Amino acid sequence: MSRGYGIALLLLATCAAFLVAAAHLSCIYFGPQCYAVQMAPPFVVESARAGTLLAPLLTLVVSAIFIILGCYALSAARFIRRLPFLRAGIYSISAVCIVRGLLPIQLFLRYPEKISAPVLMAGIAWLVVGLCYWFGYRAVKKHTMH
């Protein structure tokens, strides 16, 4: 796998992370229905309905986490400076994304009636993102060691 291919995979992972952050942030603007559509926990949807600060504050925290995940992919691709614990961070992010992706897939294979199409699609998407982090980092790392 070439370095350019690895960079492309990491940029795809970056886009996914930043898009998820933006989607979460959109809930602050669009309100309770947006939280519900994005499958936020009931207490967050209720906070949005009641107009308390819990929903927007949690949304900011979650969005910040996804922005950090995107920054790790950018750092691995060498578009920004090397972030602390880059190797451990990338492998941890990829492992969590892969597990997050595999959980609904394996549940669908065993009990298809328990998984909705959007949940299954989200699982497949997270699996792909996790593989992008994993293989993208390995390709870039392999070509910088020579």
C-alpha atoms as a PDB file:
ATOM      1  CA  MET A   1       0.000   0.000   0.000  1.00  0.00           C
ATOM      2  CA  SER A   2       1.443   3.373  -0.991  1.00  0.00           C
ATOM      3  CA  ARG A   3       1.888   6.391   1.246  1.00  0.00           C
ATOM      4  CA  GLY A   4      -0.566   8.351  -0.923  1.00  0.00           C
ATOM      5  CA  TYR A   5      -3.196   5.673  -0.408  1.00  0.00           C
ATOM      6  CA  GLY A   6      -2.593   5.850   3.339  1.00  0.00           C
ATOM      7  CA  ILE A   7      -2.987   9.624   3.300  1.00  0.00           C
ATOM      8  CA  ALA A   8      -6.240   9.290   1.344  1.00  0.00           C
ATOM      9  CA  LEU A   9      -7.593   6.827   3.929  1.00  0.00           C
ATOM     10  CA  LEU A  10      -6.615   9.142   6.782  1.00  0.00           C
ATOM     11  CA  LEU A  11      -8.251  12.102   5.037  1.00  0.00           C
ATOM     12  CA  LEU A  12     -11.417  10.031   4.649  1.00  0.00           C
ATOM     13  CA  ALA A  13     -11.303   9.293   8.379  1.00  0.00           C
ATOM     14  CA  THR A  14     -10.768  13.012   9.067  1.00  0.00           C
ATOM     15  CA  CYS A  15     -13.794  13.938   6.966  1.00  0.00           C
ATOM     16  CA  ALA A  16     -15.939  11.363   8.751  1.00  0.00           C
ATOM     17  CA  ALA A  17     -14.905  12.644  12.192  1.00  0.00           C
ATOM     18  CA  PHE A  18     -15.456  16.293  11.262  1.00  0.00           C
ATOM     19  CA  LEU A  19     -18.820  15.530   9.628  1.00  0.00           C
ATOM     20  CA  VAL A  20     -19.981  13.686  12.739  1.00  0.00           C
ATOM     21  CA  ALA A  21     -18.895  16.666  14.861  1.00  0.00           C
ATOM     22  CA  ALA A  22     -20.834  19.025  12.577  1.00  0.00           C
ATOM     23  CA  ALA A  23     -23.897  16.749  12.647  1.00  0.00           C
ATOM     24  CA  HIS A  24     -23.857  16.746  16.434  1.00  0.00           C
ATOM     25  CA  LEU A  25     -23.439  20.523  16.553  1.00  0.00           C
ATOM     26  CA  SER A  26     -26.419  20.925  14.239  1.00  0.00           C
ATOM     27  CA  CYS A  27     -28.625  19.610  17.030  1.00  0.00           C
ATOM     28  CA  ILE A  28     -28.000  22.783  19.017  1.00  0.00           C
ATOM     29  CA  TYR A  29     -29.537  24.755  16.166  1.00  0.00           C
ATOM     30  CA  PHE A  30     -32.267  22.344  15.056  1.00  0.00           C
ATOM     31  CA  GLY A  31     -33.400  21.317  18.529  1.00  0.00           C
ATOM     32  CA  PRO A  32     -35.015  18.275  20.160  1.00  0.00           C
ATOM     33  CA  GLN A  33     -36.091  16.533  16.945  1.00  0.00           C
ATOM     34  CA  CYS A  34     -32.512  16.565  15.689  1.00  0.00           C
ATOM     35  CA  TYR A  35     -31.286  15.001  18.938  1.00  0.00           C
ATOM     36  CA  ALA A  36     -33.965  12.312  18.637  1.00  0.00           C
ATOM     37  CA  VAL A  37     -33.143  11.551  14.979  1.00  0.00           C
ATOM     38  CA  GLN A  38     -29.470  11.208  15.882  1.00  0.00           C
ATOM     39  CA  MET A  39     -30.429   8.719  18.614  1.00  0.00           C
ATOM     40  CA  ALA A  40     -29.278  10.834  21.549  1.00  0.00           C
ATOM     41  CA  PRO A  41     -30.090   9.341  24.947  1.00  0.00           C
ATOM     42  CA  PRO A  42     -33.602  10.228  26.166  1.00  0.00           C
ATOM     43  CA  PHE A  43     -32.290  12.495  28.944  1.00  0.00           C
ATOM     44  CA  VAL A  44     -30.458  14.603  26.333  1.00  0.00           C
ATOM     45  CA  VAL A  45     -33.567  14.875  24.147  1.00  0.00           C
ATOM     46  CA  GLU A  46     -35.570  15.858  27.228  1.00  0.00           C
ATOM     47  CA  SER A  47     -32.965  18.483  28.130  1.00  0.00           C
ATOM     48  CA  ALA A  48     -33.286  19.941  24.641  1.00  0.00           C
ATOM     49  CA  ARG A  49     -37.088  19.994  24.971  1.00  0.00           C
ATOM     50  CA  ALA A  50     -36.865  21.693  28.365  1.00  0.00           C
ATOM     51  CA  GLY A  51     -34.298  24.193  27.123  1.00  0.00           C
ATOM     52  CA  THR A  52     -31.714  23.352  29.795  1.00  0.00           C
ATOM     53  CA  LEU A  53     -27.989  23.636  29.212  1.00  0.00           C
ATOM     54  CA  LEU A  54     -27.270  19.917  29.566  1.00  0.00           C
ATOM     55  CA  ALA A  55     -28.019  19.012  25.919  1.00  0.00           C
ATOM     56  CA  PRO A  56     -25.925  21.761  24.281  1.00  0.00           C
ATOM     57  CA  LEU A  57     -23.031  21.322  26.721  1.00  0.00           C
ATOM     58  CA  LEU A  58     -22.900  17.555  26.161  1.00  0.00           C
ATOM     59  CA  THR A  59     -23.158  18.200  22.426  1.00  0.00           C
ATOM     60  CA  LEU A  60     -20.135  20.512  22.582  1.00  0.00           C
ATOM     61  CA  VAL A  61     -18.143  17.893  24.507  1.00  0.00           C
ATOM     62  CA  VAL A  62     -19.039  15.085  22.104  1.00  0.00           C
ATOM     63  CA  SER A  63     -18.319  17.276  19.083  1.00  0.00           C
ATOM     64  CA  ALA A  64     -14.947  18.288  20.545  1.00  0.00           C
ATOM     65  CA  ILE A  65     -14.070  14.606  20.921  1.00  0.00           C
ATOM     66  CA  PHE A  66     -14.818  13.966  17.252  1.00  0.00           C
ATOM     67  CA  ILE A  67     -12.774  17.014  16.246  1.00  0.00           C
ATOM     68  CA  ILE A  68      -9.851  15.602  18.247  1.00  0.00           C
ATOM     69  CA  LEU A  69     -10.284  12.241  16.470  1.00  0.00           C
ATOM     70  CA  GLY A  70     -10.124  14.044  13.133  1.00  0.00           C
ATOM     71  CA  CYS A  71      -7.018  15.917  14.241  1.00  0.00           C
ATOM     72  CA  TYR A  72      -5.331  12.610  15.057  1.00  0.00           C
ATOM     73  CA  ALA A  73      -5.974  11.433  11.506  1.00  0.00           C
ATOM     74  CA  LEU A  74      -4.594  14.733  10.151  1.00  0.00           C
ATOM     75  CA  SER A  75      -1.544  14.352  12.362  1.00  0.00           C
ATOM     76  CA  ALA A  76      -0.968  10.779  11.203  1.00  0.00           C
ATOM     77  CA  ALA A  77      -1.186  12.011   7.601  1.00  0.00           C
ATOM     78  CA  ARG A  78       1.340  14.735   8.536  1.00  0.00           C
ATOM     79  CA  PHE A  79      -0.928  17.637   7.669  1.00  0.00           C
ATOM     80  CA  ILE A  80      -0.564  19.034  11.181  1.00  0.00           C
ATOM     81  CA  ARG A  81       2.146  18.616  13.806  1.00  0.00           C
ATOM     82  CA  ARG A  82       2.588  15.284  15.532  1.00  0.00           C
ATOM     83  CA  LEU A  83       0.089  14.956  18.350  1.00  0.00           C
ATOM     84  CA  PRO A  84       0.984  13.307  21.668  1.00  0.00           C
ATOM     85  CA  PHE A  85       0.669   9.534  21.776  1.00  0.00           C
ATOM     86  CA  LEU A  86      -0.062   9.446  18.038  1.00  0.00           C
ATOM     87  CA  ARG A  87       0.527   5.729  17.567  1.00  0.00           C
ATOM     88  CA  ALA A  88      -1.467   4.706  20.635  1.00  0.00           C
ATOM     89  CA  GLY A  89      -4.159   7.223  19.751  1.00  0.00           C
ATOM     90  CA  ILE A  90      -4.590   6.042  16.169  1.00  0.00           C
ATOM     91  CA  TYR A  91      -4.656   2.368  17.120  1.00  0.00           C
ATOM     92  CA  SER A  92      -7.097   3.052  19.974  1.00  0.00           C
ATOM     93  CA  ILE A  93      -9.373   5.124  17.737  1.00  0.00           C
ATOM     94  CA  SER A  94      -9.307   2.480  15.027  1.00  0.00           C
ATOM     95  CA  ALA A  95     -10.028  -0.321  17.519  1.00  0.00           C
ATOM     96  CA  VAL A  96     -12.988   1.529  19.044  1.00  0.00           C
ATOM     97  CA  CYS A  97     -14.391   2.363  15.586  1.00  0.00           C
ATOM     98  CA  ILE A  98     -13.976  -1.227  14.390  1.00  0.00           C
ATOM     99  CA  VAL A  99     -15.675  -2.635  17.499  1.00  0.00           C
ATOM    100  CA  ARG A 100     -18.413   0.031  17.203  1.00  0.00           C
ATOM    101  CA  GLY A 101     -18.890  -1.090  13.622  1.00  0.00           C
ATOM    102  CA  LEU A 102     -18.884  -4.807  14.285  1.00  0.00           C
ATOM    103  CA  LEU A 103     -21.386  -4.762  17.158  1.00  0.00           C
ATOM    104  CA  PRO A 104     -24.510  -3.930  15.130  1.00  0.00           C
ATOM    105  CA  ILE A 105     -23.315  -6.093  12.223  1.00  0.00           C
ATOM    106  CA  GLN A 106     -22.950  -9.208  14.370  1.00  0.00           C
ATOM    107  CA  LEU A 107     -26.267  -8.481  16.070  1.00  0.00           C
ATOM    108  CA  PHE A 108     -27.909  -8.115  12.644  1.00  0.00           C
ATOM    109  CA  LEU A 109     -26.461 -11.468  11.560  1.00  0.00           C
ATOM    110  CA  ARG A 110     -27.856 -13.180  14.654  1.00  0.00           C
ATOM    111  CA  TYR A 111     -31.111 -11.243  15.199  1.00  0.00           C
ATOM    112  CA  PRO A 112     -31.932  -9.175  12.096  1.00  0.00           C
ATOM    113  CA  GLU A 113     -35.270  -8.073  13.544  1.00  0.00           C
ATOM    114  CA  LYS A 114     -33.475  -6.225  16.375  1.00  0.00           C
ATOM    115  CA  ILE A 115     -31.443  -3.910  14.130  1.00  0.00           C
ATOM    116  CA  SER A 116     -32.897  -1.095  12.052  1.00  0.00           C
ATOM    117  CA  ALA A 117     -31.404  -0.174   8.700  1.00  0.00           C
ATOM    118  CA  PRO A 118     -29.972   3.156   9.960  1.00  0.00           C
ATOM    119  CA  VAL A 119     -28.250   1.429  12.893  1.00  0.00           C
ATOM    120  CA  LEU A 120     -26.797  -1.217  10.563  1.00  0.00           C
ATOM    121  CA  MET A 121     -25.592   1.449   8.106  1.00  0.00           C
ATOM    122  CA  ALA A 122     -23.991   3.411  10.934  1.00  0.00           C
ATOM    123  CA  GLY A 123     -22.210   0.237  12.028  1.00  0.00           C
ATOM    124  CA  ILE A 124     -20.873  -0.391   8.546  1.00  0.00           C
ATOM    125  CA  ALA A 125     -19.761   3.241   8.305  1.00  0.00           C
ATOM    126  CA  TRP A 126     -17.878   3.055  11.615  1.00  0.00           C
ATOM    127  CA  LEU A 127     -16.235  -0.193  10.573  1.00  0.00           C
ATOM    128  CA  VAL A 128     -14.994   1.481   7.381  1.00  0.00           C
ATOM    129  CA  VAL A 129     -13.771   4.527   9.310  1.00  0.00           C
ATOM    130  CA  GLY A 130     -11.897   2.312  11.777  1.00  0.00           C
ATOM    131  CA  LEU A 131     -10.243   0.445   8.911  1.00  0.00           C
ATOM    132  CA  CYS A 132      -9.302   3.786   7.315  1.00  0.00           C
ATOM    133  CA  TYR A 133      -7.532   4.838  10.522  1.00  0.00           C
ATOM    134  CA  TRP A 134      -5.792   1.460  10.822  1.00  0.00           C
ATOM    135  CA  PHE A 135      -4.635   0.910   7.258  1.00  0.00           C
ATOM    136  CA  GLY A 136      -4.058   4.589   6.561  1.00  0.00           C
ATOM    137  CA  TYR A 137      -1.712   4.958   9.516  1.00  0.00           C
ATOM    138  CA  ARG A 138       0.125   1.742   8.741  1.00  0.00           C
ATOM    139  CA  ALA A 139       0.685   2.788   5.111  1.00  0.00           C
ATOM    140  CA  VAL A 140       1.966   6.240   6.033  1.00  0.00           C
ATOM    141  CA  LYS A 141       4.133   4.847   8.833  1.00  0.00           C
ATOM    142  CA  LYS A 142       5.586   2.107   6.615  1.00  0.00           C
ATOM    143  CA  HIS A 143       6.736   4.607   3.993  1.00  0.00           C
ATOM    144  CA  THR A 144       8.265   7.026   6.484  1.00  0.00           C
ATOM    145  CA  MET A 145      10.441   4.352   8.085  1.00  0.00           C
ATOM    146  CA  HIS A 146      12.474   3.660   4.931  1.00  0.00           C
END
